[in-house]
């Protein structure tokens, strides 16, 4: 017999914040379009950077559509310690990504906002 078990918090691993998480009356997780989560993505490693990241620092070639972006900051809670700081995308960077078709932004750090 081969038997295994896994247990943990709902916040372990991947989770998606719904707009409702930010503002009452906005859509909940059940209303998120599944196509945002399925398809090709671009992974950008900004782990060597600190502070605010501008669009040029992402290294995305001109004219490239980016529907899904995974940002690797290297600041995770995997070692059991909450990181003190992590890089974040500037407002103008997010605007540029939205103009290029961004549907999904994923990060490996605790938030897309500046650390507390």
N, C-alpha and C. Protein backbone atom coordinates (compact mmCIF):
# COMPACT_ATOMS: atom_id res chain seq x y z
N UNK A 1 0.84 -1.17 0.00
CA UNK A 1 0.00 0.00 0.00
C UNK A 1 0.89 1.25 0.00
N UNK A 2 0.55 2.18 -0.84
CA UNK A 2 1.27 3.45 -0.91
C UNK A 2 0.31 4.55 -0.44
N UNK A 3 0.62 5.17 0.68
CA UNK A 3 -0.28 6.15 1.28
C UNK A 3 0.47 7.42 1.62
N UNK A 4 -0.12 8.56 1.33
CA UNK A 4 0.49 9.82 1.72
C UNK A 4 -0.60 10.78 2.18
N UNK A 5 -0.17 11.84 2.83
CA UNK A 5 -1.11 12.80 3.38
C UNK A 5 -0.51 14.19 3.27
N UNK A 6 -1.37 15.19 3.10
CA UNK A 6 -0.92 16.57 3.01
C UNK A 6 -1.96 17.46 3.69
N UNK A 7 -1.50 18.36 4.54
CA UNK A 7 -2.42 19.30 5.17
C UNK A 7 -1.76 20.66 5.24
N UNK A 8 -2.58 21.70 5.34
CA UNK A 8 -2.02 23.05 5.42
C UNK A 8 -3.10 24.10 5.40
N UNK A 9 -2.69 25.31 5.49
CA UNK A 9 -3.57 26.47 5.47
C UNK A 9 -4.02 26.78 4.05
N UNK A 10 -5.19 27.39 3.87
CA UNK A 10 -5.62 27.79 2.52
C UNK A 10 -4.67 28.82 1.89
N UNK A 11 -3.83 29.47 2.69
CA UNK A 11 -2.90 30.45 2.16
C UNK A 11 -1.55 29.85 1.78
N UNK A 12 -1.43 28.52 1.85
CA UNK A 12 -0.21 27.85 1.42
C UNK A 12 -0.33 27.57 -0.07
N UNK A 13 0.66 27.95 -0.82
CA UNK A 13 0.62 27.71 -2.25
C UNK A 13 -0.06 28.85 -2.97
N UNK A 14 -0.60 28.56 -4.11
CA UNK A 14 -1.19 29.58 -4.97
C UNK A 14 -2.58 29.95 -4.51
N UNK A 15 -2.86 31.25 -4.52
CA UNK A 15 -4.23 31.70 -4.36
C UNK A 15 -4.41 32.99 -5.14
N UNK A 16 -5.63 33.24 -5.53
CA UNK A 16 -5.93 34.43 -6.34
C UNK A 16 -6.81 35.37 -5.53
N UNK A 17 -6.40 36.62 -5.47
CA UNK A 17 -7.23 37.63 -4.82
C UNK A 17 -8.26 38.14 -5.81
N UNK A 18 -9.50 38.08 -5.40
CA UNK A 18 -10.59 38.61 -6.22
C UNK A 18 -10.71 40.11 -5.99
N UNK A 19 -11.29 40.83 -6.93
CA UNK A 19 -11.52 42.26 -6.73
C UNK A 19 -12.28 42.55 -5.43
N UNK A 20 -13.14 41.63 -5.00
CA UNK A 20 -13.88 41.78 -3.76
C UNK A 20 -12.95 41.93 -2.56
N UNK A 21 -11.76 41.38 -2.66
CA UNK A 21 -10.77 41.48 -1.58
C UNK A 21 -10.38 42.95 -1.35
N UNK A 22 -10.54 43.77 -2.37
CA UNK A 22 -10.12 45.17 -2.31
C UNK A 22 -11.30 46.11 -2.04
N UNK A 23 -12.45 45.80 -2.62
CA UNK A 23 -13.57 46.73 -2.52
C UNK A 23 -14.90 45.99 -2.47
N UNK A 24 -15.75 46.35 -1.50
CA UNK A 24 -17.09 45.77 -1.40
C UNK A 24 -17.86 45.99 -2.69
N UNK A 25 -18.60 44.98 -3.10
CA UNK A 25 -19.43 45.09 -4.29
C UNK A 25 -18.72 44.68 -5.58
N UNK A 26 -17.41 44.55 -5.54
CA UNK A 26 -16.69 44.10 -6.73
C UNK A 26 -16.79 42.57 -6.80
N UNK A 27 -16.45 41.96 -7.96
CA UNK A 27 -16.64 40.51 -8.14
C UNK A 27 -15.81 39.66 -7.18
N UNK A 28 -16.40 38.52 -6.79
CA UNK A 28 -15.70 37.55 -5.96
C UNK A 28 -14.94 36.54 -6.82
N UNK A 29 -14.26 35.61 -6.19
CA UNK A 29 -13.46 34.61 -6.91
C UNK A 29 -14.29 33.82 -7.91
N UNK A 30 -15.53 33.53 -7.57
CA UNK A 30 -16.39 32.74 -8.44
C UNK A 30 -16.67 33.45 -9.77
N UNK A 31 -16.46 34.76 -9.83
CA UNK A 31 -16.76 35.54 -11.04
C UNK A 31 -15.51 35.82 -11.89
N UNK A 32 -14.36 35.37 -11.44
CA UNK A 32 -13.13 35.62 -12.21
C UNK A 32 -13.14 34.80 -13.49
N UNK A 33 -12.77 35.40 -14.63
CA UNK A 33 -12.75 34.64 -15.88
C UNK A 33 -11.61 33.62 -15.89
N UNK A 34 -11.92 32.38 -16.18
CA UNK A 34 -10.91 31.32 -16.15
C UNK A 34 -9.83 31.51 -17.20
N UNK A 35 -10.14 32.17 -18.32
CA UNK A 35 -9.13 32.34 -19.36
C UNK A 35 -7.95 33.19 -18.88
N UNK A 36 -8.14 33.97 -17.83
CA UNK A 36 -7.02 34.73 -17.28
C UNK A 36 -5.95 33.81 -16.69
N UNK A 37 -6.37 32.63 -16.23
CA UNK A 37 -5.47 31.70 -15.55
C UNK A 37 -4.87 30.63 -16.45
N UNK A 38 -5.33 30.55 -17.69
CA UNK A 38 -4.91 29.47 -18.58
C UNK A 38 -4.30 30.06 -19.84
N UNK A 39 -3.09 29.65 -20.14
CA UNK A 39 -2.44 30.10 -21.37
C UNK A 39 -0.97 30.42 -21.14
N UNK A 40 -0.37 30.90 -22.19
CA UNK A 40 1.06 31.24 -22.14
C UNK A 40 1.29 32.40 -21.17
N UNK A 41 2.46 32.37 -20.55
CA UNK A 41 2.81 33.45 -19.62
C UNK A 41 4.29 33.81 -19.83
N UNK A 42 4.62 34.97 -19.35
CA UNK A 42 6.01 35.42 -19.36
C UNK A 42 6.47 35.47 -17.90
N UNK A 43 7.64 34.90 -17.62
CA UNK A 43 8.24 34.93 -16.29
C UNK A 43 9.38 35.93 -16.31
N UNK A 44 9.36 36.86 -15.36
CA UNK A 44 10.41 37.87 -15.27
C UNK A 44 11.06 37.77 -13.90
N UNK A 45 12.37 37.62 -13.87
CA UNK A 45 13.12 37.51 -12.62
C UNK A 45 13.65 38.88 -12.22
N UNK A 46 13.10 39.42 -11.12
CA UNK A 46 13.57 40.71 -10.60
C UNK A 46 14.21 40.52 -9.22
N UNK A 47 14.63 39.29 -8.94
CA UNK A 47 15.15 38.96 -7.60
C UNK A 47 16.41 39.74 -7.23
N UNK A 48 17.15 40.22 -8.20
CA UNK A 48 18.36 40.99 -7.91
C UNK A 48 18.06 42.48 -7.72
N UNK A 49 16.80 42.85 -7.87
CA UNK A 49 16.43 44.27 -7.78
C UNK A 49 15.70 44.56 -6.48
N UNK A 50 15.77 45.82 -6.07
CA UNK A 50 15.05 46.30 -4.89
C UNK A 50 14.24 47.51 -5.28
N UNK A 51 13.27 47.85 -4.45
CA UNK A 51 12.50 49.06 -4.67
C UNK A 51 11.45 48.90 -5.75
N UNK A 52 11.21 50.00 -6.46
CA UNK A 52 10.17 50.05 -7.47
C UNK A 52 10.74 49.67 -8.83
N UNK A 53 10.02 48.80 -9.53
CA UNK A 53 10.45 48.30 -10.83
C UNK A 53 9.69 49.04 -11.93
N UNK A 54 10.43 49.60 -12.88
CA UNK A 54 9.83 50.26 -14.03
C UNK A 54 9.69 49.28 -15.19
N UNK A 55 8.86 49.63 -16.14
CA UNK A 55 8.63 48.73 -17.28
C UNK A 55 9.92 48.34 -18.01
N UNK A 56 10.85 49.28 -18.26
CA UNK A 56 12.08 48.88 -18.96
C UNK A 56 12.86 47.78 -18.23
N UNK A 57 12.76 47.75 -16.90
CA UNK A 57 13.50 46.76 -16.12
C UNK A 57 12.95 45.34 -16.30
N UNK A 58 11.75 45.21 -16.85
CA UNK A 58 11.18 43.89 -17.07
C UNK A 58 11.77 43.20 -18.29
N UNK A 59 12.37 43.98 -19.19
CA UNK A 59 13.02 43.41 -20.36
C UNK A 59 12.06 42.82 -21.38
N UNK A 60 10.87 43.35 -21.45
CA UNK A 60 9.88 42.85 -22.41
C UNK A 60 10.07 43.60 -23.73
N UNK A 61 10.32 42.89 -24.81
CA UNK A 61 10.56 43.54 -26.11
C UNK A 61 9.37 44.38 -26.58
N UNK A 62 9.65 45.41 -27.34
CA UNK A 62 8.61 46.28 -27.89
C UNK A 62 7.60 45.46 -28.68
N UNK A 63 6.34 45.80 -28.53
CA UNK A 63 5.27 45.17 -29.29
C UNK A 63 4.80 43.82 -28.78
N UNK A 64 5.46 43.28 -27.77
CA UNK A 64 5.08 41.96 -27.25
C UNK A 64 3.85 42.10 -26.35
N UNK A 65 2.81 41.31 -26.64
CA UNK A 65 1.61 41.28 -25.81
C UNK A 65 1.91 40.40 -24.60
N UNK A 66 1.55 40.88 -23.41
CA UNK A 66 1.79 40.13 -22.18
C UNK A 66 0.45 39.96 -21.46
N UNK A 67 -0.20 38.81 -21.67
CA UNK A 67 -1.49 38.58 -21.02
C UNK A 67 -1.32 38.09 -19.59
N UNK A 68 -0.26 37.31 -19.34
CA UNK A 68 -0.01 36.77 -18.02
C UNK A 68 1.45 36.98 -17.67
N UNK A 69 1.70 37.61 -16.53
CA UNK A 69 3.07 37.90 -16.11
C UNK A 69 3.31 37.33 -14.73
N UNK A 70 4.34 36.51 -14.62
CA UNK A 70 4.77 35.95 -13.33
C UNK A 70 6.05 36.65 -12.94
N UNK A 71 6.03 37.35 -11.81
CA UNK A 71 7.17 38.12 -11.35
C UNK A 71 7.86 37.37 -10.23
N UNK A 72 9.11 36.99 -10.48
CA UNK A 72 9.90 36.25 -9.50
C UNK A 72 10.75 37.25 -8.71
N UNK A 73 10.36 37.47 -7.45
CA UNK A 73 11.10 38.42 -6.60
C UNK A 73 12.13 37.73 -5.72
N UNK A 74 11.92 36.44 -5.48
CA UNK A 74 12.81 35.72 -4.58
C UNK A 74 12.54 36.02 -3.12
N UNK A 75 11.52 36.81 -2.84
CA UNK A 75 11.18 37.17 -1.45
C UNK A 75 9.91 36.42 -1.07
N UNK A 76 10.07 35.17 -0.71
CA UNK A 76 8.92 34.34 -0.34
C UNK A 76 8.92 34.10 1.16
N UNK A 77 7.89 33.40 1.63
CA UNK A 77 7.85 33.00 3.03
C UNK A 77 8.18 31.51 3.16
N UNK A 78 8.79 30.95 2.11
CA UNK A 78 9.08 29.51 2.09
C UNK A 78 10.01 29.07 3.22
N UNK A 79 10.90 29.95 3.67
CA UNK A 79 11.81 29.58 4.76
C UNK A 79 11.21 29.82 6.14
N UNK A 80 9.95 30.24 6.18
CA UNK A 80 9.27 30.46 7.45
C UNK A 80 9.38 31.88 7.98
N UNK A 81 10.18 32.71 7.32
CA UNK A 81 10.33 34.10 7.76
C UNK A 81 9.66 35.04 6.75
N UNK A 82 8.95 36.01 7.27
CA UNK A 82 8.29 37.00 6.42
C UNK A 82 9.35 37.98 5.91
N UNK A 83 9.46 38.18 4.60
CA UNK A 83 10.50 39.09 4.09
C UNK A 83 10.25 40.52 4.56
N UNK A 84 11.32 41.26 4.77
CA UNK A 84 11.19 42.64 5.25
C UNK A 84 10.84 43.58 4.11
N UNK A 85 11.36 43.32 2.92
CA UNK A 85 11.07 44.16 1.75
C UNK A 85 11.01 43.28 0.51
N UNK A 86 10.45 43.84 -0.55
CA UNK A 86 10.42 43.15 -1.84
C UNK A 86 10.20 44.19 -2.92
N UNK A 87 10.66 43.89 -4.14
CA UNK A 87 10.44 44.83 -5.24
C UNK A 87 8.97 44.84 -5.66
N UNK A 88 8.50 46.01 -6.12
CA UNK A 88 7.13 46.16 -6.59
C UNK A 88 7.14 46.87 -7.94
N UNK A 89 6.09 46.67 -8.72
CA UNK A 89 5.97 47.34 -10.01
C UNK A 89 5.46 48.76 -9.81
N UNK A 90 6.04 49.69 -10.53
CA UNK A 90 5.57 51.08 -10.47
C UNK A 90 4.19 51.18 -11.13
N UNK A 91 3.48 52.24 -10.80
CA UNK A 91 2.17 52.47 -11.40
C UNK A 91 2.29 52.59 -12.92
N UNK A 92 3.31 53.28 -13.40
CA UNK A 92 3.48 53.42 -14.85
C UNK A 92 3.81 52.08 -15.50
N UNK A 93 4.51 51.21 -14.79
CA UNK A 93 4.81 49.87 -15.29
C UNK A 93 3.52 49.07 -15.44
N UNK A 94 2.66 49.12 -14.43
CA UNK A 94 1.39 48.40 -14.48
C UNK A 94 0.53 48.96 -15.62
N UNK A 95 0.51 50.29 -15.78
CA UNK A 95 -0.24 50.90 -16.88
C UNK A 95 0.26 50.39 -18.23
N UNK A 96 1.58 50.30 -18.39
CA UNK A 96 2.15 49.80 -19.65
C UNK A 96 1.76 48.34 -19.89
N UNK A 97 1.75 47.54 -18.83
CA UNK A 97 1.35 46.13 -18.95
C UNK A 97 -0.12 46.01 -19.33
N UNK A 98 -0.97 46.84 -18.73
CA UNK A 98 -2.39 46.81 -19.08
C UNK A 98 -2.61 47.21 -20.53
N UNK A 99 -1.84 48.16 -21.03
CA UNK A 99 -1.94 48.54 -22.44
C UNK A 99 -1.50 47.40 -23.35
N UNK A 100 -0.68 46.50 -22.86
CA UNK A 100 -0.22 45.35 -23.64
C UNK A 100 -1.09 44.12 -23.45
N UNK A 101 -2.24 44.28 -22.78
CA UNK A 101 -3.18 43.18 -22.68
C UNK A 101 -3.12 42.36 -21.40
N UNK A 102 -2.47 42.85 -20.36
CA UNK A 102 -2.33 42.07 -19.12
C UNK A 102 -3.69 41.67 -18.55
N UNK A 103 -3.83 40.35 -18.28
CA UNK A 103 -5.02 39.80 -17.64
C UNK A 103 -4.71 39.27 -16.25
N UNK A 104 -3.44 38.86 -16.03
CA UNK A 104 -3.07 38.21 -14.79
C UNK A 104 -1.66 38.65 -14.39
N UNK A 105 -1.51 39.02 -13.14
CA UNK A 105 -0.20 39.33 -12.56
C UNK A 105 0.00 38.42 -11.37
N UNK A 106 1.08 37.68 -11.36
CA UNK A 106 1.38 36.78 -10.24
C UNK A 106 2.74 37.14 -9.67
N UNK A 107 2.84 37.09 -8.36
CA UNK A 107 4.10 37.38 -7.67
C UNK A 107 4.37 36.28 -6.65
N UNK A 108 5.65 36.09 -6.33
CA UNK A 108 6.01 35.08 -5.33
C UNK A 108 6.20 35.70 -3.95
N UNK A 109 6.01 37.01 -3.84
CA UNK A 109 6.16 37.70 -2.56
C UNK A 109 4.80 37.86 -1.90
N UNK A 110 4.76 38.33 -0.66
CA UNK A 110 3.49 38.40 0.06
C UNK A 110 2.45 39.37 -0.49
N UNK A 111 2.85 40.32 -1.33
CA UNK A 111 1.89 41.31 -1.82
C UNK A 111 2.43 41.99 -3.07
N UNK A 112 1.53 42.63 -3.84
CA UNK A 112 1.97 43.45 -4.96
C UNK A 112 2.25 44.88 -4.49
N UNK A 113 1.92 45.17 -3.24
CA UNK A 113 2.18 46.48 -2.64
C UNK A 113 3.50 46.49 -1.90
N UNK A 114 3.98 47.69 -1.59
CA UNK A 114 5.21 47.83 -0.79
C UNK A 114 5.05 47.13 0.54
N UNK A 115 6.17 46.67 1.06
CA UNK A 115 6.16 46.00 2.36
C UNK A 115 5.76 47.00 3.45
N UNK A 116 5.21 46.47 4.55
CA UNK A 116 4.75 47.35 5.65
C UNK A 116 5.88 48.08 6.33
